[in-house]
């Protein structure tokens, strides 16, 4: 086991302070960590993972676990926490005061295959099938995979979890879709699109030929513009360049 005092000084140096009153199990876990109650901190982090979490909450839990296990000298648990932290936040940066050993391990793991989610769409007959697949999750971070889709701008969102989504679909209309990988507490740990910024499969007519009526209007407009431009050019030419009838002396 490493020096408890050294680890607590490290956590304080990293800018982490215990909340005056714990607002969640995540806060409680960090408070117990600062009190050197490592078993209590682990139990609090376990409880937090059963609550509703944001991605930021989950990152705090995994970082806290890494500190706890590092202080306890549990190398396997340290690696497990870092693997999961890399999966959810490969861009994470520890404070400069973090032991080089932890930062180096994290950097080494971050260079490996990243957690990714990809969504596939297949259209057949009068239905669409939307499916998502997660890859690169060595830490078992992904608990569920959810997909969502809607037909047209006015359509309602339909979702499915841990199974493909099938919905009636007219291929002439646009299809909006996305996928999310959910980790502990429902935190989104990877996504391919989102409800706010979904992928778009255009309707089959979107890129087709324009109706002849619209083409005729376009040609007419182009001719009108050309005529106006010609008139403007002639009207703005210098007077000495405009031919005039010859004049003869009286």
C-alpha atoms as a PDB file:
ATOM      1  CA  UNK A   1       0.000   0.000   0.000  1.00  0.00           C
ATOM      2  CA  UNK A   2       1.290   3.454  -0.915  1.00  0.00           C
ATOM      3  CA  UNK A   3       1.470   6.304   1.567  1.00  0.00           C
ATOM      4  CA  UNK A   4      -2.066   7.420   2.403  1.00  0.00           C
ATOM      5  CA  UNK A   5      -0.867  10.887   3.302  1.00  0.00           C
ATOM      6  CA  UNK A   6       0.945  11.194  -0.003  1.00  0.00           C
ATOM      7  CA  UNK A   7      -2.141  10.188  -1.972  1.00  0.00           C
ATOM      8  CA  UNK A   8      -4.349  12.640  -0.076  1.00  0.00           C
ATOM      9  CA  UNK A   9      -1.870  15.448  -0.694  1.00  0.00           C
ATOM     10  CA  UNK A  10      -1.882  14.415  -4.339  1.00  0.00           C
ATOM     11  CA  UNK A  11      -5.673  14.583  -4.574  1.00  0.00           C
ATOM     12  CA  UNK A  12      -5.690  17.993  -2.906  1.00  0.00           C
ATOM     13  CA  UNK A  13      -2.976  19.213  -5.275  1.00  0.00           C
ATOM     14  CA  UNK A  14      -5.095  18.087  -8.201  1.00  0.00           C
ATOM     15  CA  UNK A  15      -7.700  20.613  -7.191  1.00  0.00           C
ATOM     16  CA  UNK A  16     -10.223  18.174  -5.723  1.00  0.00           C
ATOM     17  CA  UNK A  17     -11.986  19.221  -2.558  1.00  0.00           C
ATOM     18  CA  UNK A  18     -14.626  17.522  -0.508  1.00  0.00           C
ATOM     19  CA  UNK A  19     -18.087  19.094  -0.896  1.00  0.00           C
ATOM     20  CA  UNK A  20     -19.505  20.752   2.200  1.00  0.00           C
ATOM     21  CA  UNK A  21     -22.540  18.496   1.895  1.00  0.00           C
ATOM     22  CA  UNK A  22     -22.485  15.508  -0.417  1.00  0.00           C
ATOM     23  CA  UNK A  23     -24.973  16.052  -3.227  1.00  0.00           C
ATOM     24  CA  UNK A  24     -24.645  12.587  -4.740  1.00  0.00           C
ATOM     25  CA  UNK A  25     -22.886   9.281  -4.327  1.00  0.00           C
ATOM     26  CA  UNK A  26     -20.171  10.619  -6.612  1.00  0.00           C
ATOM     27  CA  UNK A  27     -19.479  13.486  -4.210  1.00  0.00           C
ATOM     28  CA  UNK A  28     -19.671  11.077  -1.281  1.00  0.00           C
ATOM     29  CA  UNK A  29     -17.086   8.832  -2.893  1.00  0.00           C
ATOM     30  CA  UNK A  30     -14.650  11.706  -3.258  1.00  0.00           C
ATOM     31  CA  UNK A  31     -15.324  12.880   0.318  1.00  0.00           C
ATOM     32  CA  UNK A  32     -14.513   9.403   1.649  1.00  0.00           C
ATOM     33  CA  UNK A  33     -11.420   9.272  -0.541  1.00  0.00           C
ATOM     34  CA  UNK A  34     -10.175  12.497   1.045  1.00  0.00           C
ATOM     35  CA  UNK A  35     -10.903  10.968   4.455  1.00  0.00           C
ATOM     36  CA  UNK A  36      -8.718   7.969   3.504  1.00  0.00           C
ATOM     37  CA  UNK A  37     -11.760   5.673   3.782  1.00  0.00           C
ATOM     38  CA  UNK A  38     -10.925   3.772   0.606  1.00  0.00           C
ATOM     39  CA  UNK A  39     -13.406   0.939   1.153  1.00  0.00           C
ATOM     40  CA  UNK A  40     -16.152   3.467   1.789  1.00  0.00           C
ATOM     41  CA  UNK A  41     -15.155   5.400  -1.332  1.00  0.00           C
ATOM     42  CA  UNK A  42     -15.361   2.265  -3.475  1.00  0.00           C
ATOM     43  CA  UNK A  43     -18.793   1.451  -2.027  1.00  0.00           C
ATOM     44  CA  UNK A  44     -19.986   4.999  -2.758  1.00  0.00           C
ATOM     45  CA  UNK A  45     -18.714   4.809  -6.334  1.00  0.00           C
ATOM     46  CA  UNK A  46     -20.471   1.448  -6.729  1.00  0.00           C
ATOM     47  CA  UNK A  47     -23.703   3.036  -5.517  1.00  0.00           C
ATOM     48  CA  UNK A  48     -23.213   5.986  -7.883  1.00  0.00           C
ATOM     49  CA  UNK A  49     -23.011   3.687 -10.897  1.00  0.00           C
ATOM     50  CA  UNK A  50     -26.533   2.492 -10.078  1.00  0.00           C
ATOM     51  CA  UNK A  51     -27.846   6.077 -10.226  1.00  0.00           C
ATOM     52  CA  UNK A  52     -28.538   8.280 -13.228  1.00  0.00           C
ATOM     53  CA  UNK A  53     -25.223   9.668 -14.435  1.00  0.00           C
ATOM     54  CA  UNK A  54     -23.890  12.103 -16.988  1.00  0.00           C
ATOM     55  CA  UNK A  55     -20.674  11.437 -18.874  1.00  0.00           C
ATOM     56  CA  UNK A  56     -18.898  13.952 -16.610  1.00  0.00           C
ATOM     57  CA  UNK A  57     -20.142  12.084 -13.517  1.00  0.00           C
ATOM     58  CA  UNK A  58     -18.819   8.812 -14.867  1.00  0.00           C
ATOM     59  CA  UNK A  59     -15.417  10.337 -15.615  1.00  0.00           C
ATOM     60  CA  UNK A  60     -15.210  11.563 -11.986  1.00  0.00           C
ATOM     61  CA  UNK A  61     -16.079   8.085 -10.721  1.00  0.00           C
ATOM     62  CA  UNK A  62     -13.471   6.344 -12.844  1.00  0.00           C
ATOM     63  CA  UNK A  63     -10.789   8.873 -11.952  1.00  0.00           C
ATOM     64  CA  UNK A  64     -11.680   8.485  -8.270  1.00  0.00           C
ATOM     65  CA  UNK A  65     -11.434   4.700  -8.554  1.00  0.00           C
ATOM     66  CA  UNK A  66      -8.005   5.038 -10.148  1.00  0.00           C
ATOM     67  CA  UNK A  67      -6.813   7.136  -7.183  1.00  0.00           C
ATOM     68  CA  UNK A  68      -8.318   4.722  -4.643  1.00  0.00           C
ATOM     69  CA  UNK A  69      -6.755   1.641  -6.177  1.00  0.00           C
ATOM     70  CA  UNK A  70      -3.441   3.400  -6.701  1.00  0.00           C
ATOM     71  CA  UNK A  71      -3.384   4.296  -3.003  1.00  0.00           C
ATOM     72  CA  UNK A  72      -4.277   0.704  -2.070  1.00  0.00           C
ATOM     73  CA  UNK A  73      -1.613  -0.734  -4.339  1.00  0.00           C
ATOM     74  CA  UNK A  74      -4.132  -2.848  -6.314  1.00  0.00           C
ATOM     75  CA  UNK A  75      -2.444  -2.819  -9.703  1.00  0.00           C
ATOM     76  CA  UNK A  76      -5.112  -4.880 -11.494  1.00  0.00           C
ATOM     77  CA  UNK A  77      -7.877  -2.594 -10.231  1.00  0.00           C
ATOM     78  CA  UNK A  78      -5.870   0.484 -11.245  1.00  0.00           C
ATOM     79  CA  UNK A  79      -5.575  -0.859 -14.762  1.00  0.00           C
ATOM     80  CA  UNK A  80      -9.262  -1.731 -14.863  1.00  0.00           C
ATOM     81  CA  UNK A  81     -10.253   1.805 -13.849  1.00  0.00           C
ATOM     82  CA  UNK A  82      -7.862   3.353 -16.376  1.00  0.00           C
ATOM     83  CA  UNK A  83      -9.091   1.085 -19.189  1.00  0.00           C
ATOM     84  CA  UNK A  84     -12.655   2.202 -18.574  1.00  0.00           C
ATOM     85  CA  UNK A  85     -11.603   5.841 -18.232  1.00  0.00           C
ATOM     86  CA  UNK A  86      -9.819   5.623 -21.595  1.00  0.00           C
ATOM     87  CA  UNK A  87     -12.926   4.096 -23.164  1.00  0.00           C
ATOM     88  CA  UNK A  88     -15.235   6.893 -22.037  1.00  0.00           C
ATOM     89  CA  UNK A  89     -12.781   9.824 -22.206  1.00  0.00           C
ATOM     90  CA  UNK A  90      -9.592   9.128 -24.208  1.00  0.00           C
ATOM     91  CA  UNK A  91      -8.978  12.900 -24.244  1.00  0.00           C
ATOM     92  CA  UNK A  92      -8.929  13.091 -20.417  1.00  0.00           C
ATOM     93  CA  UNK A  93      -6.044  14.992 -18.882  1.00  0.00           C
ATOM     94  CA  UNK A  94      -4.845  14.443 -15.326  1.00  0.00           C
ATOM     95  CA  UNK A  95      -3.478  17.327 -13.294  1.00  0.00           C
ATOM     96  CA  UNK A  96       0.299  17.838 -13.560  1.00  0.00           C
ATOM     97  CA  UNK A  97       0.673  16.689  -9.923  1.00  0.00           C
ATOM     98  CA  UNK A  98      -0.658  13.216 -10.771  1.00  0.00           C
ATOM     99  CA  UNK A  99       2.030  10.530 -10.339  1.00  0.00           C
ATOM    100  CA  UNK A 100       3.862  10.002 -13.650  1.00  0.00           C
ATOM    101  CA  UNK A 101       3.134   6.273 -13.339  1.00  0.00           C
ATOM    102  CA  UNK A 102      -0.625   6.852 -13.580  1.00  0.00           C
ATOM    103  CA  UNK A 103      -0.337   9.332 -16.416  1.00  0.00           C
ATOM    104  CA  UNK A 104       2.008   7.066 -18.374  1.00  0.00           C
ATOM    105  CA  UNK A 105      -0.314   4.069 -17.977  1.00  0.00           C
ATOM    106  CA  UNK A 106      -3.271   6.119 -19.128  1.00  0.00           C
ATOM    107  CA  UNK A 107      -1.357   7.442 -22.154  1.00  0.00           C
ATOM    108  CA  UNK A 108      -0.287   3.914 -23.113  1.00  0.00           C
ATOM    109  CA  UNK A 109      -3.862   2.624 -22.938  1.00  0.00           C
ATOM    110  CA  UNK A 110      -5.209   5.667 -24.803  1.00  0.00           C
ATOM    111  CA  UNK A 111      -3.094   4.723 -27.799  1.00  0.00           C
ATOM    112  CA  UNK A 112      -5.023   1.481 -28.285  1.00  0.00           C
ATOM    113  CA  UNK A 113      -8.331   0.849 -30.031  1.00  0.00           C
ATOM    114  CA  UNK A 114     -10.914   3.393 -28.937  1.00  0.00           C
ATOM    115  CA  UNK A 115     -14.521   2.746 -28.020  1.00  0.00           C
ATOM    116  CA  UNK A 116     -16.660   3.491 -31.058  1.00  0.00           C
ATOM    117  CA  UNK A 117     -20.290   3.159 -32.069  1.00  0.00           C
ATOM    118  CA  UNK A 118     -21.529   2.819 -35.631  1.00  0.00           C
ATOM    119  CA  UNK A 119     -25.108   2.859 -36.936  1.00  0.00           C
ATOM    120  CA  UNK A 120     -26.259   0.969 -40.025  1.00  0.00           C
ATOM    121  CA  UNK A 121     -29.513   1.505 -41.918  1.00  0.00           C
ATOM    122  CA  UNK A 122     -31.116  -0.989 -44.277  1.00  0.00           C
ATOM    123  CA  UNK A 123     -34.275  -0.334 -46.294  1.00  0.00           C
ATOM    124  CA  UNK A 124     -36.432  -3.099 -47.761  1.00  0.00           C
ATOM    125  CA  UNK A 125     -40.008  -3.034 -49.038  1.00  0.00           C
ATOM    126  CA  UNK A 126     -41.897  -0.576 -46.837  1.00  0.00           C
ATOM    127  CA  UNK A 127     -39.712  -0.731 -43.730  1.00  0.00           C
ATOM    128  CA  UNK A 128     -36.370   0.548 -42.424  1.00  0.00           C
ATOM    129  CA  UNK A 129     -34.039  -1.309 -40.067  1.00  0.00           C
ATOM    130  CA  UNK A 130     -31.673   0.730 -37.872  1.00  0.00           C
ATOM    131  CA  UNK A 131     -28.980  -1.066 -35.870  1.00  0.00           C
ATOM    132  CA  UNK A 132     -25.970   0.094 -33.829  1.00  0.00           C
ATOM    133  CA  UNK A 133     -22.826  -1.796 -32.883  1.00  0.00           C
ATOM    134  CA  UNK A 134     -20.161  -0.895 -30.306  1.00  0.00           C
ATOM    135  CA  UNK A 135     -16.504  -1.879 -30.747  1.00  0.00           C
ATOM    136  CA  UNK A 136     -13.304  -1.342 -28.796  1.00  0.00           C
ATOM    137  CA  UNK A 137     -14.721  -1.777 -25.284  1.00  0.00           C
ATOM    138  CA  UNK A 138     -12.131  -3.866 -23.389  1.00  0.00           C
ATOM    139  CA  UNK A 139     -13.372  -2.632 -20.027  1.00  0.00           C
ATOM    140  CA  UNK A 140     -16.949  -3.805 -20.412  1.00  0.00           C
ATOM    141  CA  UNK A 141     -18.123  -0.217 -20.110  1.00  0.00           C
ATOM    142  CA  UNK A 142     -21.099  -0.458 -22.476  1.00  0.00           C
ATOM    143  CA  UNK A 143     -24.236  -1.688 -20.732  1.00  0.00           C
ATOM    144  CA  UNK A 144     -26.809  -0.951 -23.440  1.00  0.00           C
ATOM    145  CA  UNK A 145     -26.993   0.245 -27.040  1.00  0.00           C
ATOM    146  CA  UNK A 146     -29.866   2.483 -28.096  1.00  0.00           C
ATOM    147  CA  UNK A 147     -30.939   3.631 -31.550  1.00  0.00           C
ATOM    148  CA  UNK A 148     -33.515   6.225 -32.542  1.00  0.00           C
ATOM    149  CA  UNK A 149     -35.124   7.229 -35.835  1.00  0.00           C
ATOM    150  CA  UNK A 150     -37.931   9.278 -37.271  1.00  0.00           C
ATOM    151  CA  UNK A 151     -39.449   9.624 -40.746  1.00  0.00           C
ATOM    152  CA  UNK A 152     -39.596  13.166 -42.090  1.00  0.00           C
ATOM    153  CA  UNK A 153     -39.222  16.446 -40.240  1.00  0.00           C
ATOM    154  CA  UNK A 154     -42.641  16.066 -38.646  1.00  0.00           C
ATOM    155  CA  UNK A 155     -42.283  12.449 -37.571  1.00  0.00           C
ATOM    156  CA  UNK A 156     -42.017  11.345 -33.942  1.00  0.00           C
ATOM    157  CA  UNK A 157     -38.836   9.753 -32.614  1.00  0.00           C
ATOM    158  CA  UNK A 158     -38.973   5.982 -32.130  1.00  0.00           C
ATOM    159  CA  UNK A 159     -36.256   4.195 -30.120  1.00  0.00           C
ATOM    160  CA  UNK A 160     -35.110   0.648 -29.445  1.00  0.00           C
ATOM    161  CA  UNK A 161     -32.600  -0.659 -26.912  1.00  0.00           C
ATOM    162  CA  UNK A 162     -30.324  -3.675 -27.337  1.00  0.00           C
ATOM    163  CA  UNK A 163     -32.097  -4.705 -30.532  1.00  0.00           C
ATOM    164  CA  UNK A 164     -32.529  -3.383 -34.076  1.00  0.00           C
ATOM    165  CA  UNK A 165     -35.200  -0.753 -34.626  1.00  0.00           C
ATOM    166  CA  UNK A 166     -37.752  -1.545 -37.326  1.00  0.00           C
ATOM    167  CA  UNK A 167     -40.268   1.035 -38.458  1.00  0.00           C
ATOM    168  CA  UNK A 168     -42.592   1.614 -41.434  1.00  0.00           C
ATOM    169  CA  UNK A 169     -40.799   3.708 -44.027  1.00  0.00           C
ATOM    170  CA  UNK A 170     -41.595   5.268 -47.375  1.00  0.00           C
ATOM    171  CA  UNK A 171     -38.254   5.486 -49.188  1.00  0.00           C
ATOM    172  CA  UNK A 172     -39.357   8.687 -50.905  1.00  0.00           C
ATOM    173  CA  UNK A 173     -39.173  10.457 -47.542  1.00  0.00           C
ATOM    174  CA  UNK A 174     -36.163  11.491 -45.456  1.00  0.00           C
ATOM    175  CA  UNK A 175     -35.046   9.274 -42.577  1.00  0.00           C
ATOM    176  CA  UNK A 176     -33.303  10.749 -39.531  1.00  0.00           C
ATOM    177  CA  UNK A 177     -31.401   8.395 -37.185  1.00  0.00           C
ATOM    178  CA  UNK A 178     -28.724   8.121 -34.469  1.00  0.00           C
ATOM    179  CA  UNK A 179     -27.182   5.644 -32.023  1.00  0.00           C
ATOM    180  CA  UNK A 180     -25.877   5.804 -28.452  1.00  0.00           C
ATOM    181  CA  UNK A 181     -23.842   3.460 -26.257  1.00  0.00           C
ATOM    182  CA  UNK A 182     -24.921   3.705 -22.634  1.00  0.00           C
ATOM    183  CA  UNK A 183     -22.589   2.997 -19.738  1.00  0.00           C
ATOM    184  CA  UNK A 184     -23.176   2.846 -15.970  1.00  0.00           C
ATOM    185  CA  UNK A 185     -26.029   5.060 -14.837  1.00  0.00           C
ATOM    186  CA  UNK A 186     -27.179   5.553 -18.417  1.00  0.00           C
ATOM    187  CA  UNK A 187     -24.251   7.847 -19.212  1.00  0.00           C
ATOM    188  CA  UNK A 188     -23.641   8.166 -22.945  1.00  0.00           C
ATOM    189  CA  UNK A 189     -20.119   6.812 -23.461  1.00  0.00           C
ATOM    190  CA  UNK A 190     -20.140   6.782 -27.281  1.00  0.00           C
ATOM    191  CA  UNK A 191     -22.495   7.901 -30.000  1.00  0.00           C
ATOM    192  CA  UNK A 192     -22.961   8.066 -33.744  1.00  0.00           C
ATOM    193  CA  UNK A 193     -25.140  11.101 -34.292  1.00  0.00           C
ATOM    194  CA  UNK A 194     -27.641  12.311 -31.708  1.00  0.00           C
ATOM    195  CA  UNK A 195     -31.268  13.350 -31.439  1.00  0.00           C
ATOM    196  CA  UNK A 196     -30.147  16.976 -31.662  1.00  0.00           C
ATOM    197  CA  UNK A 197     -27.844  16.304 -34.641  1.00  0.00           C
ATOM    198  CA  UNK A 198     -29.029  13.082 -36.316  1.00  0.00           C
ATOM    199  CA  UNK A 199     -27.780  11.459 -39.495  1.00  0.00           C
ATOM    200  CA  UNK A 200     -29.939  11.930 -42.590  1.00  0.00           C
ATOM    201  CA  UNK A 201     -30.879   9.445 -45.299  1.00  0.00           C
ATOM    202  CA  UNK A 202     -32.456  11.611 -48.006  1.00  0.00           C
ATOM    203  CA  UNK A 203     -35.620  10.495 -49.717  1.00  0.00           C
ATOM    204  CA  UNK A 204     -35.098   8.864 -53.092  1.00  0.00           C
ATOM    205  CA  UNK A 205     -36.706  11.816 -54.907  1.00  0.00           C
ATOM    206  CA  UNK A 206     -34.453  14.366 -53.196  1.00  0.00           C
ATOM    207  CA  UNK A 207     -31.704  14.034 -55.787  1.00  0.00           C
ATOM    208  CA  UNK A 208     -33.906  13.267 -58.806  1.00  0.00           C
ATOM    209  CA  UNK A 209     -34.630  15.401 -61.866  1.00  0.00           C
ATOM    210  CA  UNK A 210     -36.517  18.648 -61.434  1.00  0.00           C
ATOM    211  CA  UNK A 211     -40.073  18.713 -62.787  1.00  0.00           C
ATOM    212  CA  UNK A 212     -40.344  20.286 -66.249  1.00  0.00           C
ATOM    213  CA  UNK A 213     -42.463  23.128 -64.885  1.00  0.00           C
ATOM    214  CA  UNK A 214     -39.666  24.184 -62.550  1.00  0.00           C
ATOM    215  CA  UNK A 215     -37.109  23.806 -65.335  1.00  0.00           C
ATOM    216  CA  UNK A 216     -39.216  26.089 -67.586  1.00  0.00           C
ATOM    217  CA  UNK A 217     -39.457  28.685 -64.841  1.00  0.00           C
ATOM    218  CA  UNK A 218     -35.710  28.504 -64.341  1.00  0.00           C
ATOM    219  CA  UNK A 219     -34.992  29.049 -68.031  1.00  0.00           C
ATOM    220  CA  UNK A 220     -37.455  31.949 -68.172  1.00  0.00           C
ATOM    221  CA  UNK A 221     -35.817  33.577 -65.168  1.00  0.00           C
ATOM    222  CA  UNK A 222     -32.368  33.173 -66.708  1.00  0.00           C
ATOM    223  CA  UNK A 223     -33.506  34.819 -69.960  1.00  0.00           C
ATOM    224  CA  UNK A 224     -35.060  37.719 -68.042  1.00  0.00           C
ATOM    225  CA  UNK A 225     -31.853  38.258 -66.098  1.00  0.00           C
ATOM    226  CA  UNK A 226     -29.808  38.225 -69.314  1.00  0.00           C
ATOM    227  CA  UNK A 227     -32.044  40.859 -70.890  1.00  0.00           C
ATOM    228  CA  UNK A 228     -31.799  43.116 -67.850  1.00  0.00           C
ATOM    229  CA  UNK A 229     -28.005  42.773 -67.768  1.00  0.00           C
ATOM    230  CA  UNK A 230     -27.775  43.681 -71.469  1.00  0.00           C
ATOM    231  CA  UNK A 231     -29.898  46.790 -70.987  1.00  0.00           C
ATOM    232  CA  UNK A 232     -27.817  47.886 -68.012  1.00  0.00           C
ATOM    233  CA  UNK A 233     -24.534  47.367 -69.880  1.00  0.00           C
ATOM    234  CA  UNK A 234     -25.694  49.375 -72.892  1.00  0.00           C
ATOM    235  CA  UNK A 235     -27.116  52.156 -70.746  1.00  0.00           C
ATOM    236  CA  UNK A 236     -23.894  52.539 -68.769  1.00  0.00           C
ATOM    237  CA  UNK A 237     -21.452  52.604 -71.724  1.00  0.00           C
ATOM    238  CA  UNK A 238     -19.581  55.904 -72.251  1.00  0.00           C
ATOM    239  CA  UNK A 239     -21.313  58.134 -74.761  1.00  0.00           C
ATOM    240  CA  UNK A 240     -18.271  58.303 -77.058  1.00  0.00           C
ATOM    241  CA  UNK A 241     -18.438  54.560 -77.606  1.00  0.00           C
ATOM    242  CA  UNK A 242     -22.089  54.578 -78.684  1.00  0.00           C
ATOM    243  CA  UNK A 243     -22.398  54.870 -82.524  1.00  0.00           C
ATOM    244  CA  UNK A 244     -24.403  57.871 -83.762  1.00  0.00           C
ATOM    245  CA  UNK A 245     -25.683  58.911 -87.165  1.00  0.00           C
ATOM    246  CA  UNK A 246     -23.133  60.868 -89.276  1.00  0.00           C
ATOM    247  CA  UNK A 247     -23.557  64.645 -89.450  1.00  0.00           C
ATOM    248  CA  UNK A 248     -22.753  66.867 -92.395  1.00  0.00           C
ATOM    249  CA  UNK A 249     -21.877  70.529 -92.437  1.00  0.00           C
ATOM    250  CA  UNK A 250     -24.696  72.824 -93.542  1.00  0.00           C
END
